[in-house]
Amino acid sequence: MLSSIAADHVQRPRNVGPIEGATHVGLSGSPGDGPHVQIWLLIEDGAIRKATYDTHGCPSSIAAASMVCQVVIGREVDRAKLLTQEDLLLILGGLPEGKERFAGMAVDALVKALEQ
């Protein structure tokens, strides 16, 4: 069962869909061939001004990707790079057993975007 925080992000996902003019894009997984999270960032002056995502539709994946975007908007890039799977799971109030990997995928997509 999802925590109330994670369930809220599933029921009311934030920051969904690509950003026109994104400066950075990261992908974890394979769209069309299993679980995936893709994150688009608009970075200006060393800070993340916008962050959006796309995922395959699993509630845990939606919650994780939505929360990653919420957490990093407005943050300096160096600070955003410090986010870990464990941090995200704590912020979300956990994910159902066996679904924790989706928090890792969301963080991985973020890290890949920030490495560009």
N, C-alpha and C. Protein backbone atom coordinates (compact mmCIF):
# COMPACT_ATOMS: atom_id res chain seq x y z
N MET A 1 0.84 -1.18 0.00
CA MET A 1 0.00 0.00 0.00
C MET A 1 0.89 1.25 0.00
N LEU A 2 0.45 2.26 -0.73
CA LEU A 2 1.21 3.50 -0.80
C LEU A 2 0.98 4.35 0.44
N SER A 3 2.00 5.10 0.83
CA SER A 3 1.83 6.08 1.91
C SER A 3 0.89 7.18 1.42
N SER A 4 0.39 7.98 2.32
CA SER A 4 -0.51 9.07 1.91
C SER A 4 0.21 10.07 1.01
N ILE A 5 1.50 10.29 1.25
CA ILE A 5 2.27 11.22 0.41
C ILE A 5 2.42 10.66 -1.00
N ALA A 6 2.82 9.39 -1.11
CA ALA A 6 2.97 8.76 -2.42
C ALA A 6 1.62 8.69 -3.14
N ALA A 7 0.56 8.33 -2.43
CA ALA A 7 -0.77 8.24 -3.03
C ALA A 7 -1.22 9.59 -3.58
N ASP A 8 -0.89 10.66 -2.88
CA ASP A 8 -1.25 12.00 -3.36
C ASP A 8 -0.56 12.31 -4.69
N HIS A 9 0.68 11.89 -4.83
CA HIS A 9 1.40 12.13 -6.09
C HIS A 9 0.86 11.26 -7.22
N VAL A 10 0.29 10.11 -6.90
CA VAL A 10 -0.34 9.27 -7.92
C VAL A 10 -1.68 9.87 -8.34
N GLN A 11 -2.45 10.33 -7.37
CA GLN A 11 -3.77 10.90 -7.66
C GLN A 11 -3.66 12.28 -8.31
N ARG A 12 -2.63 13.03 -7.94
CA ARG A 12 -2.43 14.38 -8.48
C ARG A 12 -0.97 14.55 -8.90
N PRO A 13 -0.56 13.83 -9.96
CA PRO A 13 0.85 13.92 -10.38
C PRO A 13 1.22 15.35 -10.77
N ARG A 14 2.42 15.72 -10.43
CA ARG A 14 2.93 17.05 -10.73
C ARG A 14 3.98 16.96 -11.82
N ASN A 15 4.08 18.00 -12.63
CA ASN A 15 5.20 18.15 -13.57
C ASN A 15 5.32 17.01 -14.57
N VAL A 16 4.22 16.66 -15.22
CA VAL A 16 4.20 15.56 -16.17
C VAL A 16 4.43 16.09 -17.58
N GLY A 17 5.22 15.37 -18.35
CA GLY A 17 5.41 15.68 -19.77
C GLY A 17 6.68 16.44 -20.06
N PRO A 18 7.12 16.40 -21.31
CA PRO A 18 8.39 17.04 -21.68
C PRO A 18 8.35 18.55 -21.54
N ILE A 19 9.51 19.12 -21.35
CA ILE A 19 9.69 20.58 -21.31
C ILE A 19 10.20 21.01 -22.68
N GLU A 20 9.48 21.90 -23.32
CA GLU A 20 9.98 22.46 -24.57
C GLU A 20 11.22 23.30 -24.24
N GLY A 21 12.31 23.03 -24.93
CA GLY A 21 13.54 23.76 -24.67
C GLY A 21 14.33 23.25 -23.48
N ALA A 22 14.07 22.00 -23.07
CA ALA A 22 14.81 21.42 -21.93
C ALA A 22 16.31 21.48 -22.22
N THR A 23 17.08 21.77 -21.20
CA THR A 23 18.53 21.82 -21.35
C THR A 23 19.18 20.48 -21.03
N HIS A 24 18.49 19.63 -20.29
CA HIS A 24 19.03 18.34 -19.86
C HIS A 24 17.91 17.30 -19.88
N VAL A 25 18.26 16.08 -20.30
CA VAL A 25 17.30 14.97 -20.32
C VAL A 25 18.01 13.72 -19.82
N GLY A 26 17.33 12.97 -18.95
CA GLY A 26 17.89 11.72 -18.46
C GLY A 26 16.86 10.61 -18.54
N LEU A 27 17.31 9.41 -18.84
CA LEU A 27 16.43 8.25 -18.99
C LEU A 27 16.99 7.07 -18.21
N SER A 28 16.10 6.41 -17.48
CA SER A 28 16.43 5.17 -16.80
C SER A 28 15.40 4.14 -17.26
N GLY A 29 15.86 3.02 -17.77
CA GLY A 29 14.96 1.99 -18.29
C GLY A 29 14.77 2.15 -19.79
N SER A 30 13.78 1.42 -20.32
CA SER A 30 13.54 1.39 -21.76
C SER A 30 12.07 1.65 -22.08
N PRO A 31 11.74 2.85 -22.55
CA PRO A 31 10.35 3.13 -22.93
C PRO A 31 9.87 2.12 -23.98
N GLY A 32 8.67 1.62 -23.80
CA GLY A 32 8.10 0.66 -24.73
C GLY A 32 8.57 -0.76 -24.50
N ASP A 33 9.51 -0.94 -23.58
CA ASP A 33 10.07 -2.27 -23.33
C ASP A 33 10.29 -2.47 -21.83
N GLY A 34 9.31 -2.07 -21.04
CA GLY A 34 9.42 -2.26 -19.61
C GLY A 34 9.43 -0.95 -18.85
N PRO A 35 9.70 -1.03 -17.55
CA PRO A 35 9.69 0.16 -16.72
C PRO A 35 10.70 1.20 -17.20
N HIS A 36 10.32 2.45 -17.07
CA HIS A 36 11.23 3.55 -17.41
C HIS A 36 10.81 4.82 -16.70
N VAL A 37 11.77 5.71 -16.53
CA VAL A 37 11.51 7.07 -16.07
C VAL A 37 12.39 7.97 -16.92
N GLN A 38 11.78 8.99 -17.50
CA GLN A 38 12.53 10.00 -18.24
C GLN A 38 12.28 11.33 -17.56
N ILE A 39 13.34 12.09 -17.37
CA ILE A 39 13.25 13.39 -16.71
C ILE A 39 13.84 14.46 -17.62
N TRP A 40 13.10 15.56 -17.73
CA TRP A 40 13.57 16.74 -18.47
C TRP A 40 13.82 17.85 -17.46
N LEU A 41 14.91 18.58 -17.66
CA LEU A 41 15.26 19.69 -16.78
C LEU A 41 15.51 20.95 -17.59
N LEU A 42 15.15 22.06 -17.01
CA LEU A 42 15.55 23.36 -17.53
C LEU A 42 16.44 23.97 -16.46
N ILE A 43 17.73 24.06 -16.78
CA ILE A 43 18.70 24.57 -15.82
C ILE A 43 19.20 25.92 -16.31
N GLU A 44 19.13 26.92 -15.43
CA GLU A 44 19.61 28.26 -15.73
C GLU A 44 20.40 28.76 -14.52
N ASP A 45 21.55 29.35 -14.79
CA ASP A 45 22.39 29.93 -13.74
C ASP A 45 22.68 28.95 -12.61
N GLY A 46 22.91 27.68 -12.98
CA GLY A 46 23.30 26.67 -12.00
C GLY A 46 22.19 26.13 -11.14
N ALA A 47 20.93 26.49 -11.45
CA ALA A 47 19.80 26.00 -10.67
C ALA A 47 18.75 25.37 -11.58
N ILE A 48 18.01 24.44 -11.04
CA ILE A 48 16.96 23.76 -11.78
C ILE A 48 15.70 24.61 -11.70
N ARG A 49 15.30 25.16 -12.83
CA ARG A 49 14.13 26.04 -12.88
C ARG A 49 12.85 25.26 -13.14
N LYS A 50 12.93 24.19 -13.93
CA LYS A 50 11.79 23.32 -14.20
C LYS A 50 12.28 21.89 -14.24
N ALA A 51 11.43 20.97 -13.83
CA ALA A 51 11.72 19.53 -13.89
C ALA A 51 10.41 18.82 -14.17
N THR A 52 10.41 17.96 -15.19
CA THR A 52 9.21 17.19 -15.54
C THR A 52 9.61 15.75 -15.83
N TYR A 53 8.62 14.87 -15.96
CA TYR A 53 8.91 13.46 -16.16
C TYR A 53 7.87 12.77 -17.02
N ASP A 54 8.24 11.58 -17.47
CA ASP A 54 7.33 10.62 -18.09
C ASP A 54 7.73 9.26 -17.54
N THR A 55 6.73 8.41 -17.32
CA THR A 55 7.00 7.06 -16.85
C THR A 55 5.96 6.11 -17.41
N HIS A 56 6.11 4.84 -17.14
CA HIS A 56 5.26 3.82 -17.74
C HIS A 56 3.90 3.65 -17.08
N GLY A 57 3.63 4.31 -15.99
CA GLY A 57 2.30 4.29 -15.41
C GLY A 57 2.11 3.52 -14.12
N CYS A 58 3.11 2.83 -13.65
CA CYS A 58 3.02 2.14 -12.37
C CYS A 58 2.86 3.19 -11.25
N PRO A 59 1.92 3.00 -10.32
CA PRO A 59 1.72 4.01 -9.27
C PRO A 59 3.00 4.36 -8.51
N SER A 60 3.81 3.38 -8.18
CA SER A 60 5.05 3.67 -7.44
C SER A 60 6.02 4.49 -8.29
N SER A 61 6.06 4.22 -9.57
CA SER A 61 6.93 4.97 -10.48
C SER A 61 6.43 6.40 -10.64
N ILE A 62 5.13 6.58 -10.77
CA ILE A 62 4.55 7.92 -10.87
C ILE A 62 4.88 8.72 -9.61
N ALA A 63 4.66 8.13 -8.46
CA ALA A 63 4.92 8.82 -7.19
C ALA A 63 6.39 9.23 -7.09
N ALA A 64 7.29 8.31 -7.42
CA ALA A 64 8.73 8.59 -7.30
C ALA A 64 9.17 9.68 -8.27
N ALA A 65 8.75 9.59 -9.52
CA ALA A 65 9.17 10.58 -10.51
C ALA A 65 8.56 11.95 -10.22
N SER A 66 7.30 11.96 -9.82
CA SER A 66 6.65 13.22 -9.48
C SER A 66 7.35 13.90 -8.30
N MET A 67 7.70 13.11 -7.28
CA MET A 67 8.36 13.69 -6.11
C MET A 67 9.77 14.15 -6.42
N VAL A 68 10.51 13.40 -7.24
CA VAL A 68 11.86 13.85 -7.62
C VAL A 68 11.79 15.25 -8.23
N CYS A 69 10.84 15.43 -9.13
CA CYS A 69 10.71 16.74 -9.77
C CYS A 69 10.37 17.82 -8.75
N GLN A 70 9.43 17.53 -7.85
CA GLN A 70 9.07 18.50 -6.81
C GLN A 70 10.28 18.88 -5.96
N VAL A 71 11.07 17.89 -5.61
CA VAL A 71 12.20 18.12 -4.70
C VAL A 71 13.28 18.99 -5.35
N VAL A 72 13.54 18.79 -6.64
CA VAL A 72 14.70 19.46 -7.25
C VAL A 72 14.39 20.83 -7.86
N ILE A 73 13.13 21.13 -8.11
CA ILE A 73 12.82 22.45 -8.67
C ILE A 73 13.26 23.54 -7.71
N GLY A 74 14.05 24.47 -8.25
CA GLY A 74 14.57 25.58 -7.45
C GLY A 74 15.90 25.30 -6.77
N ARG A 75 16.37 24.07 -6.83
CA ARG A 75 17.63 23.70 -6.18
C ARG A 75 18.83 23.95 -7.08
N GLU A 76 19.93 24.22 -6.46
CA GLU A 76 21.21 24.30 -7.17
C GLU A 76 21.54 22.89 -7.67
N VAL A 77 22.17 22.82 -8.83
CA VAL A 77 22.51 21.53 -9.43
C VAL A 77 23.35 20.68 -8.48
N ASP A 78 24.35 21.27 -7.85
CA ASP A 78 25.21 20.51 -6.93
C ASP A 78 24.42 19.89 -5.78
N ARG A 79 23.42 20.60 -5.32
CA ARG A 79 22.60 20.07 -4.22
C ARG A 79 21.68 18.96 -4.72
N ALA A 80 21.13 19.13 -5.92
CA ALA A 80 20.24 18.11 -6.49
C ALA A 80 20.98 16.80 -6.71
N LYS A 81 22.27 16.88 -7.02
CA LYS A 81 23.07 15.67 -7.26
C LYS A 81 23.22 14.81 -6.00
N LEU A 82 22.94 15.36 -4.85
CA LEU A 82 23.08 14.64 -3.59
C LEU A 82 21.89 13.73 -3.27
N LEU A 83 20.78 13.89 -4.00
CA LEU A 83 19.58 13.09 -3.73
C LEU A 83 19.87 11.61 -3.99
N THR A 84 19.45 10.76 -3.07
CA THR A 84 19.64 9.31 -3.20
C THR A 84 18.30 8.59 -3.20
N GLN A 85 18.32 7.34 -3.57
CA GLN A 85 17.12 6.51 -3.52
C GLN A 85 16.58 6.46 -2.09
N GLU A 86 17.45 6.32 -1.14
CA GLU A 86 17.03 6.26 0.26
C GLU A 86 16.36 7.56 0.70
N ASP A 87 16.92 8.70 0.26
CA ASP A 87 16.29 9.99 0.56
C ASP A 87 14.89 10.05 0.00
N LEU A 88 14.75 9.65 -1.27
CA LEU A 88 13.45 9.71 -1.93
C LEU A 88 12.44 8.81 -1.24
N LEU A 89 12.85 7.61 -0.87
CA LEU A 89 11.96 6.71 -0.16
C LEU A 89 11.51 7.31 1.17
N LEU A 90 12.42 7.97 1.86
CA LEU A 90 12.07 8.63 3.13
C LEU A 90 11.08 9.76 2.90
N ILE A 91 11.32 10.58 1.89
CA ILE A 91 10.42 11.70 1.57
C ILE A 91 9.03 11.19 1.21
N LEU A 92 8.98 10.10 0.46
CA LEU A 92 7.69 9.53 0.03
C LEU A 92 6.97 8.77 1.14
N GLY A 93 7.65 8.51 2.23
CA GLY A 93 7.05 7.68 3.28
C GLY A 93 7.08 6.21 2.91
N GLY A 94 8.03 5.87 2.02
CA GLY A 94 8.20 4.49 1.58
C GLY A 94 7.36 4.20 0.34
N LEU A 95 7.66 3.05 -0.25
CA LEU A 95 6.88 2.49 -1.36
C LEU A 95 6.58 1.04 -1.00
N PRO A 96 5.58 0.44 -1.63
CA PRO A 96 5.25 -0.95 -1.29
C PRO A 96 6.45 -1.89 -1.49
N GLU A 97 6.47 -2.94 -0.71
CA GLU A 97 7.55 -3.92 -0.80
C GLU A 97 7.69 -4.41 -2.24
N GLY A 98 8.93 -4.43 -2.71
CA GLY A 98 9.21 -4.86 -4.07
C GLY A 98 9.13 -3.74 -5.09
N LYS A 99 8.68 -2.57 -4.69
CA LYS A 99 8.54 -1.43 -5.60
C LYS A 99 9.56 -0.33 -5.33
N GLU A 100 10.45 -0.55 -4.38
CA GLU A 100 11.44 0.45 -4.02
C GLU A 100 12.35 0.82 -5.19
N ARG A 101 12.52 -0.12 -6.13
CA ARG A 101 13.41 0.12 -7.26
C ARG A 101 12.97 1.30 -8.11
N PHE A 102 11.67 1.64 -8.05
CA PHE A 102 11.19 2.77 -8.84
C PHE A 102 11.72 4.09 -8.31
N ALA A 103 11.97 4.17 -7.03
CA ALA A 103 12.63 5.36 -6.49
C ALA A 103 14.05 5.44 -7.04
N GLY A 104 14.72 4.30 -7.15
CA GLY A 104 16.06 4.27 -7.73
C GLY A 104 16.07 4.67 -9.19
N MET A 105 15.06 4.24 -9.94
CA MET A 105 14.98 4.61 -11.35
C MET A 105 14.78 6.12 -11.52
N ALA A 106 13.94 6.71 -10.68
CA ALA A 106 13.69 8.15 -10.75
C ALA A 106 14.97 8.93 -10.44
N VAL A 107 15.68 8.52 -9.41
CA VAL A 107 16.94 9.18 -9.05
C VAL A 107 17.98 8.96 -10.15
N ASP A 108 18.03 7.76 -10.72
CA ASP A 108 18.96 7.46 -11.80
C ASP A 108 18.70 8.36 -13.01
N ALA A 109 17.45 8.54 -13.37
CA ALA A 109 17.11 9.43 -14.50
C ALA A 109 17.55 10.85 -14.20
N LEU A 110 17.35 11.30 -12.96
CA LEU A 110 17.80 12.64 -12.57
C LEU A 110 19.31 12.77 -12.70
N VAL A 111 20.03 11.80 -12.17
CA VAL A 111 21.51 11.84 -12.22
C VAL A 111 22.00 11.86 -13.67
N LYS A 112 21.39 11.05 -14.52
CA LYS A 112 21.78 11.03 -15.93
C LYS A 112 21.53 12.38 -16.59
N ALA A 113 20.41 13.01 -16.25
CA ALA A 113 20.14 14.34 -16.79
C ALA A 113 21.17 15.35 -16.30
N LEU A 114 21.51 15.28 -15.04
CA LEU A 114 22.47 16.25 -14.48
C LEU A 114 23.88 16.03 -14.98
N GLU A 115 24.19 14.84 -15.47
CA GLU A 115 25.54 14.55 -15.98
C GLU A 115 25.78 15.10 -17.38
N GLN A 116 24.74 15.57 -18.04
CA GLN A 116 24.91 16.09 -19.41
C GLN A 116 25.74 17.35 -19.42
